[in-house]
Amino acid sequence: MQELEPVFDKVARYFSLLSDASRLKVIHAVCSTEQSVTDVMTATGLSQSAVSRHLTNLHLSGVASRRKAGAQALYVISDATLTEICRTACVSLMARESDELTVASALRESAAQFMARTESSAPTQAAQR
């Protein structure tokens, strides 16, 4: 197990890139097309300093590439694994939430039907006493 510690540490650092909601917005903004800091600010609603910090972090981590275009720097996610993990997690969690909402909705509907039956049968039960 000890020989795997460096691997586990590296994987933990990699997954930490996905642990901030603002950074996920930035990743989403640059996952398929090159974007400038200004473009990412517009897409995410984050401040210039927050966008720059997240993009720099992603670039230094080796998952985003940066290219100069005149005075601007353009960023794009260059690590397909990160993009795939992010998409898979989002789709899976949204499907699970949708399933939970469907179940919750069905339970509410069943409870409402049960309550309606109970309320409509209440006078009958009182009359039988």
N, C-alpha and C. Protein backbone atom coordinates (compact mmCIF):
# COMPACT_ATOMS: atom_id res chain seq x y z
N MET A 1 0.84 -1.20 0.00
CA MET A 1 0.00 0.00 0.00
C MET A 1 0.88 1.25 0.00
N GLN A 2 1.98 1.21 0.75
CA GLN A 2 2.83 2.39 0.88
C GLN A 2 3.40 2.83 -0.47
N GLU A 3 3.68 1.87 -1.35
CA GLU A 3 4.24 2.21 -2.66
C GLU A 3 3.23 2.97 -3.53
N LEU A 4 1.94 2.88 -3.18
CA LEU A 4 0.91 3.59 -3.94
C LEU A 4 0.63 5.00 -3.42
N GLU A 5 1.20 5.37 -2.28
CA GLU A 5 0.93 6.69 -1.71
C GLU A 5 1.20 7.83 -2.68
N PRO A 6 2.32 7.82 -3.41
CA PRO A 6 2.54 8.92 -4.36
C PRO A 6 1.44 8.99 -5.43
N VAL A 7 0.96 7.83 -5.85
CA VAL A 7 -0.12 7.79 -6.84
C VAL A 7 -1.39 8.37 -6.23
N PHE A 8 -1.73 7.95 -5.02
CA PHE A 8 -2.93 8.46 -4.36
C PHE A 8 -2.85 9.96 -4.16
N ASP A 9 -1.68 10.46 -3.78
CA ASP A 9 -1.50 11.90 -3.60
C ASP A 9 -1.73 12.65 -4.91
N LYS A 10 -1.19 12.11 -5.98
CA LYS A 10 -1.34 12.76 -7.29
C LYS A 10 -2.80 12.74 -7.74
N VAL A 11 -3.49 11.63 -7.54
CA VAL A 11 -4.90 11.52 -7.91
C VAL A 11 -5.74 12.48 -7.07
N ALA A 12 -5.42 12.59 -5.79
CA ALA A 12 -6.16 13.51 -4.91
C ALA A 12 -5.98 14.95 -5.39
N ARG A 13 -4.77 15.33 -5.78
CA ARG A 13 -4.54 16.69 -6.30
C ARG A 13 -5.33 16.90 -7.60
N TYR A 14 -5.36 15.87 -8.44
CA TYR A 14 -6.08 15.94 -9.71
C TYR A 14 -7.58 16.15 -9.45
N PHE A 15 -8.15 15.35 -8.56
CA PHE A 15 -9.57 15.48 -8.26
C PHE A 15 -9.89 16.77 -7.53
N SER A 16 -8.92 17.34 -6.84
CA SER A 16 -9.17 18.62 -6.15
C SER A 16 -9.48 19.73 -7.15
N LEU A 17 -9.07 19.55 -8.40
CA LEU A 17 -9.41 20.53 -9.44
C LEU A 17 -10.92 20.61 -9.65
N LEU A 18 -11.63 19.55 -9.29
CA LEU A 18 -13.08 19.49 -9.49
C LEU A 18 -13.86 19.83 -8.22
N SER A 19 -13.15 20.28 -7.18
CA SER A 19 -13.80 20.45 -5.87
C SER A 19 -14.30 21.86 -5.59
N ASP A 20 -14.27 22.72 -6.58
CA ASP A 20 -14.72 24.10 -6.38
C ASP A 20 -15.75 24.43 -7.46
N ALA A 21 -16.94 24.86 -7.04
CA ALA A 21 -18.03 25.14 -7.98
C ALA A 21 -17.64 26.22 -9.00
N SER A 22 -16.93 27.24 -8.55
CA SER A 22 -16.52 28.30 -9.49
C SER A 22 -15.54 27.75 -10.52
N ARG A 23 -14.63 26.89 -10.08
CA ARG A 23 -13.67 26.31 -11.01
C ARG A 23 -14.39 25.40 -12.00
N LEU A 24 -15.44 24.71 -11.56
CA LEU A 24 -16.22 23.88 -12.49
C LEU A 24 -16.87 24.74 -13.57
N LYS A 25 -17.34 25.92 -13.19
CA LYS A 25 -17.90 26.85 -14.18
C LYS A 25 -16.84 27.23 -15.21
N VAL A 26 -15.64 27.51 -14.72
CA VAL A 26 -14.53 27.89 -15.61
C VAL A 26 -14.18 26.71 -16.52
N ILE A 27 -14.09 25.51 -15.95
CA ILE A 27 -13.79 24.32 -16.75
C ILE A 27 -14.84 24.15 -17.84
N HIS A 28 -16.10 24.32 -17.47
CA HIS A 28 -17.19 24.19 -18.45
C HIS A 28 -17.02 25.22 -19.58
N ALA A 29 -16.63 26.43 -19.22
CA ALA A 29 -16.49 27.49 -20.22
C ALA A 29 -15.37 27.22 -21.21
N VAL A 30 -14.34 26.50 -20.78
CA VAL A 30 -13.19 26.27 -21.66
C VAL A 30 -12.99 24.80 -22.01
N CYS A 31 -14.02 23.99 -21.81
CA CYS A 31 -13.83 22.55 -22.03
C CYS A 31 -13.75 22.17 -23.50
N SER A 32 -14.31 22.96 -24.39
CA SER A 32 -14.30 22.55 -25.80
C SER A 32 -13.80 23.61 -26.77
N THR A 33 -13.74 24.87 -26.32
CA THR A 33 -13.24 25.92 -27.21
C THR A 33 -12.33 26.87 -26.45
N GLU A 34 -11.38 27.42 -27.16
CA GLU A 34 -10.49 28.41 -26.55
C GLU A 34 -11.28 29.65 -26.16
N GLN A 35 -11.00 30.15 -24.97
CA GLN A 35 -11.69 31.34 -24.47
C GLN A 35 -10.68 32.26 -23.80
N SER A 36 -10.93 33.55 -23.90
CA SER A 36 -10.12 34.53 -23.17
C SER A 36 -10.68 34.67 -21.76
N VAL A 37 -9.93 35.35 -20.91
CA VAL A 37 -10.41 35.61 -19.55
C VAL A 37 -11.73 36.37 -19.61
N THR A 38 -11.82 37.35 -20.50
CA THR A 38 -13.05 38.13 -20.65
C THR A 38 -14.22 37.25 -21.07
N ASP A 39 -13.98 36.33 -22.01
CA ASP A 39 -15.03 35.41 -22.45
C ASP A 39 -15.52 34.55 -21.29
N VAL A 40 -14.58 34.06 -20.48
CA VAL A 40 -14.93 33.21 -19.34
C VAL A 40 -15.68 34.02 -18.29
N MET A 41 -15.26 35.26 -18.07
CA MET A 41 -15.97 36.14 -17.13
C MET A 41 -17.42 36.30 -17.56
N THR A 42 -17.64 36.55 -18.84
CA THR A 42 -18.99 36.74 -19.37
C THR A 42 -19.81 35.46 -19.22
N ALA A 43 -19.21 34.32 -19.52
CA ALA A 43 -19.93 33.04 -19.45
C ALA A 43 -20.26 32.62 -18.02
N THR A 44 -19.38 32.96 -17.08
CA THR A 44 -19.55 32.46 -15.71
C THR A 44 -20.09 33.47 -14.72
N GLY A 45 -19.93 34.75 -15.03
CA GLY A 45 -20.34 35.78 -14.07
C GLY A 45 -19.34 35.98 -12.95
N LEU A 46 -18.17 35.36 -13.06
CA LEU A 46 -17.14 35.50 -12.04
C LEU A 46 -16.29 36.72 -12.32
N SER A 47 -15.60 37.18 -11.29
CA SER A 47 -14.74 38.36 -11.43
C SER A 47 -13.48 38.00 -12.24
N GLN A 48 -12.82 39.04 -12.72
CA GLN A 48 -11.59 38.85 -13.49
C GLN A 48 -10.54 38.14 -12.66
N SER A 49 -10.40 38.53 -11.40
CA SER A 49 -9.36 37.91 -10.57
C SER A 49 -9.67 36.43 -10.30
N ALA A 50 -10.94 36.10 -10.08
CA ALA A 50 -11.32 34.70 -9.84
C ALA A 50 -11.07 33.85 -11.09
N VAL A 51 -11.48 34.36 -12.25
CA VAL A 51 -11.28 33.63 -13.50
C VAL A 51 -9.80 33.44 -13.77
N SER A 52 -9.02 34.49 -13.62
CA SER A 52 -7.58 34.39 -13.86
C SER A 52 -6.93 33.39 -12.92
N ARG A 53 -7.33 33.42 -11.66
CA ARG A 53 -6.77 32.49 -10.66
C ARG A 53 -7.09 31.05 -11.03
N HIS A 54 -8.34 30.77 -11.39
CA HIS A 54 -8.73 29.40 -11.75
C HIS A 54 -8.04 28.94 -13.03
N LEU A 55 -7.99 29.80 -14.03
CA LEU A 55 -7.33 29.42 -15.28
C LEU A 55 -5.84 29.18 -15.07
N THR A 56 -5.20 30.01 -14.28
CA THR A 56 -3.78 29.81 -13.97
C THR A 56 -3.58 28.48 -13.25
N ASN A 57 -4.43 28.19 -12.28
CA ASN A 57 -4.36 26.93 -11.54
C ASN A 57 -4.51 25.74 -12.49
N LEU A 58 -5.49 25.81 -13.38
CA LEU A 58 -5.71 24.72 -14.34
C LEU A 58 -4.51 24.57 -15.28
N HIS A 59 -3.96 25.69 -15.71
CA HIS A 59 -2.80 25.67 -16.61
C HIS A 59 -1.58 25.08 -15.90
N LEU A 60 -1.31 25.54 -14.69
CA LEU A 60 -0.16 25.04 -13.94
C LEU A 60 -0.31 23.57 -13.56
N SER A 61 -1.54 23.12 -13.43
CA SER A 61 -1.80 21.71 -13.13
C SER A 61 -1.64 20.82 -14.37
N GLY A 62 -1.52 21.44 -15.52
CA GLY A 62 -1.30 20.69 -16.75
C GLY A 62 -2.56 20.20 -17.44
N VAL A 63 -3.73 20.67 -17.01
CA VAL A 63 -4.97 20.21 -17.64
C VAL A 63 -5.53 21.22 -18.64
N ALA A 64 -5.00 22.44 -18.64
CA ALA A 64 -5.44 23.46 -19.60
C ALA A 64 -4.23 23.99 -20.34
N SER A 65 -4.41 24.27 -21.61
CA SER A 65 -3.33 24.89 -22.37
C SER A 65 -3.64 26.38 -22.53
N ARG A 66 -2.58 27.14 -22.69
CA ARG A 66 -2.71 28.59 -22.84
C ARG A 66 -1.94 29.00 -24.08
N ARG A 67 -2.58 29.86 -24.87
CA ARG A 67 -1.96 30.34 -26.10
C ARG A 67 -2.14 31.85 -26.16
N LYS A 68 -1.07 32.55 -26.49
CA LYS A 68 -1.16 34.00 -26.65
C LYS A 68 -1.71 34.33 -28.03
N ALA A 69 -2.65 35.29 -28.05
CA ALA A 69 -3.22 35.79 -29.29
C ALA A 69 -3.22 37.31 -29.16
N GLY A 70 -2.16 37.93 -29.60
CA GLY A 70 -2.01 39.37 -29.41
C GLY A 70 -1.81 39.65 -27.92
N ALA A 71 -2.63 40.54 -27.38
CA ALA A 71 -2.52 40.89 -25.96
C ALA A 71 -3.28 39.92 -25.06
N GLN A 72 -4.07 39.04 -25.66
CA GLN A 72 -4.90 38.12 -24.88
C GLN A 72 -4.26 36.74 -24.77
N ALA A 73 -4.61 36.06 -23.69
CA ALA A 73 -4.26 34.66 -23.54
C ALA A 73 -5.56 33.87 -23.72
N LEU A 74 -5.50 32.82 -24.50
CA LEU A 74 -6.65 31.95 -24.73
C LEU A 74 -6.40 30.62 -24.05
N TYR A 75 -7.43 30.12 -23.36
CA TYR A 75 -7.32 28.88 -22.60
C TYR A 75 -8.31 27.86 -23.13
N VAL A 76 -7.92 26.59 -23.04
CA VAL A 76 -8.80 25.47 -23.35
C VAL A 76 -8.34 24.27 -22.53
N ILE A 77 -9.27 23.44 -22.13
CA ILE A 77 -8.91 22.23 -21.41
C ILE A 77 -8.22 21.30 -22.40
N SER A 78 -7.04 20.86 -22.04
CA SER A 78 -6.26 19.98 -22.92
C SER A 78 -6.24 18.54 -22.42
N ASP A 79 -6.81 18.30 -21.26
CA ASP A 79 -6.85 16.97 -20.68
C ASP A 79 -8.24 16.39 -20.89
N ALA A 80 -8.36 15.51 -21.86
CA ALA A 80 -9.67 14.92 -22.19
C ALA A 80 -10.24 14.12 -21.03
N THR A 81 -9.37 13.54 -20.21
CA THR A 81 -9.84 12.76 -19.06
C THR A 81 -10.58 13.65 -18.08
N LEU A 82 -10.06 14.84 -17.81
CA LEU A 82 -10.72 15.76 -16.89
C LEU A 82 -12.11 16.14 -17.41
N THR A 83 -12.19 16.45 -18.68
CA THR A 83 -13.47 16.81 -19.29
C THR A 83 -14.44 15.64 -19.21
N GLU A 84 -13.97 14.44 -19.48
CA GLU A 84 -14.85 13.26 -19.44
C GLU A 84 -15.32 12.97 -18.02
N ILE A 85 -14.43 13.08 -17.04
CA ILE A 85 -14.81 12.85 -15.65
C ILE A 85 -15.86 13.88 -15.24
N CYS A 86 -15.64 15.12 -15.60
CA CYS A 86 -16.57 16.19 -15.24
C CYS A 86 -17.94 15.96 -15.88
N ARG A 87 -17.97 15.64 -17.16
CA ARG A 87 -19.23 15.39 -17.85
C ARG A 87 -19.94 14.17 -17.26
N THR A 88 -19.19 13.11 -17.03
CA THR A 88 -19.79 11.89 -16.47
C THR A 88 -20.41 12.17 -15.11
N ALA A 89 -19.68 12.89 -14.26
CA ALA A 89 -20.20 13.22 -12.93
C ALA A 89 -21.46 14.08 -13.04
N CYS A 90 -21.44 15.08 -13.88
CA CYS A 90 -22.61 15.97 -14.03
C CYS A 90 -23.82 15.20 -14.53
N VAL A 91 -23.64 14.40 -15.56
CA VAL A 91 -24.76 13.64 -16.13
C VAL A 91 -25.29 12.64 -15.11
N SER A 92 -24.38 11.94 -14.44
CA SER A 92 -24.79 10.94 -13.45
C SER A 92 -25.56 11.58 -12.29
N LEU A 93 -25.03 12.67 -11.77
CA LEU A 93 -25.69 13.34 -10.64
C LEU A 93 -27.03 13.93 -11.03
N MET A 94 -27.12 14.50 -12.22
CA MET A 94 -28.39 15.05 -12.68
C MET A 94 -29.42 13.93 -12.89
N ALA A 95 -28.98 12.79 -13.41
CA ALA A 95 -29.90 11.66 -13.60
C ALA A 95 -30.37 11.15 -12.25
N ARG A 96 -29.44 11.05 -11.29
CA ARG A 96 -29.82 10.59 -9.96
C ARG A 96 -30.81 11.56 -9.32
N GLU A 97 -30.54 12.86 -9.45
CA GLU A 97 -31.44 13.86 -8.89
C GLU A 97 -32.81 13.79 -9.56
N SER A 98 -32.81 13.58 -10.86
CA SER A 98 -34.07 13.45 -11.59
C SER A 98 -34.84 12.24 -11.10
N ASP A 99 -34.14 11.12 -10.90
CA ASP A 99 -34.79 9.91 -10.37
C ASP A 99 -35.35 10.18 -8.98
N GLU A 100 -34.57 10.87 -8.14
CA GLU A 100 -35.03 11.18 -6.78
C GLU A 100 -36.25 12.09 -6.82
N LEU A 101 -36.25 13.06 -7.74
CA LEU A 101 -37.41 13.95 -7.86
C LEU A 101 -38.63 13.19 -8.35
N THR A 102 -38.41 12.25 -9.27
CA THR A 102 -39.51 11.43 -9.77
C THR A 102 -40.10 10.60 -8.64
N VAL A 103 -39.23 9.98 -7.84
CA VAL A 103 -39.70 9.17 -6.72
C VAL A 103 -40.41 10.06 -5.71
N ALA A 104 -39.83 11.21 -5.39
CA ALA A 104 -40.45 12.13 -4.43
C ALA A 104 -41.81 12.60 -4.93
N SER A 105 -41.89 12.89 -6.22
CA SER A 105 -43.16 13.32 -6.81
C SER A 105 -44.19 12.21 -6.72
N ALA A 106 -43.78 10.98 -7.02
CA ALA A 106 -44.70 9.84 -6.94
C ALA A 106 -45.16 9.62 -5.50
N LEU A 107 -44.24 9.78 -4.55
CA LEU A 107 -44.61 9.64 -3.14
C LEU A 107 -45.61 10.72 -2.72
N ARG A 108 -45.36 11.95 -3.15
CA ARG A 108 -46.30 13.04 -2.83
C ARG A 108 -47.67 12.75 -3.42
N GLU A 109 -47.68 12.27 -4.67
CA GLU A 109 -48.95 11.97 -5.33
C GLU A 109 -49.67 10.83 -4.60
N SER A 110 -48.93 9.79 -4.22
CA SER A 110 -49.54 8.68 -3.48
C SER A 110 -50.08 9.15 -2.14
N ALA A 111 -49.31 9.99 -1.46
CA ALA A 111 -49.76 10.52 -0.17
C ALA A 111 -51.01 11.36 -0.34
N ALA A 112 -51.06 12.17 -1.39
CA ALA A 112 -52.23 13.00 -1.64
C ALA A 112 -53.45 12.13 -1.93
N GLN A 113 -53.25 11.07 -2.71
CA GLN A 113 -54.37 10.16 -3.00
C GLN A 113 -54.83 9.46 -1.73
N PHE A 114 -53.87 9.02 -0.91
CA PHE A 114 -54.21 8.36 0.35
C PHE A 114 -54.98 9.31 1.25
N MET A 115 -54.49 10.55 1.36
CA MET A 115 -55.16 11.53 2.21
C MET A 115 -56.56 11.81 1.67
N ALA A 116 -56.71 11.87 0.36
CA ALA A 116 -58.03 12.13 -0.22
C ALA A 116 -58.98 10.98 0.11
N ARG A 117 -58.48 9.75 0.02
CA ARG A 117 -59.32 8.59 0.35
C ARG A 117 -59.66 8.58 1.83
N THR A 118 -58.69 8.92 2.68
CA THR A 118 -58.91 8.93 4.12
C THR A 118 -59.93 9.99 4.49
N GLU A 119 -59.80 11.17 3.87
CA GLU A 119 -60.73 12.26 4.17
C GLU A 119 -62.14 11.93 3.67
N SER A 120 -62.24 11.28 2.50
CA SER A 120 -63.55 10.98 1.96
C SER A 120 -64.22 9.83 2.73
N SER A 121 -63.40 8.97 3.34
CA SER A 121 -63.98 7.86 4.10
C SER A 121 -64.21 8.22 5.56
N ALA A 122 -63.71 9.36 6.01
CA ALA A 122 -63.87 9.76 7.41
C ALA A 122 -65.32 9.90 7.82
N PRO A 123 -66.17 10.56 7.04
CA PRO A 123 -67.59 10.66 7.44
C PRO A 123 -68.26 9.30 7.50
N THR A 124 -67.90 8.39 6.61
CA THR A 124 -68.47 7.06 6.61
C THR A 124 -68.13 6.33 7.89
N GLN A 125 -66.88 6.45 8.30
CA GLN A 125 -66.45 5.78 9.53
C GLN A 125 -67.18 6.37 10.72
N ALA A 126 -67.37 7.67 10.75
CA ALA A 126 -68.07 8.32 11.86
C ALA A 126 -69.53 7.89 11.89
N ALA A 127 -70.14 7.74 10.71
CA ALA A 127 -71.53 7.33 10.64
C ALA A 127 -71.71 5.90 11.11
N GLN A 128 -70.67 5.06 10.91
CA GLN A 128 -70.78 3.65 11.31
C GLN A 128 -70.71 3.49 12.82
N ARG A 129 -70.16 4.44 13.51
CA ARG A 129 -70.01 4.32 14.98
C ARG A 129 -71.29 4.53 15.62
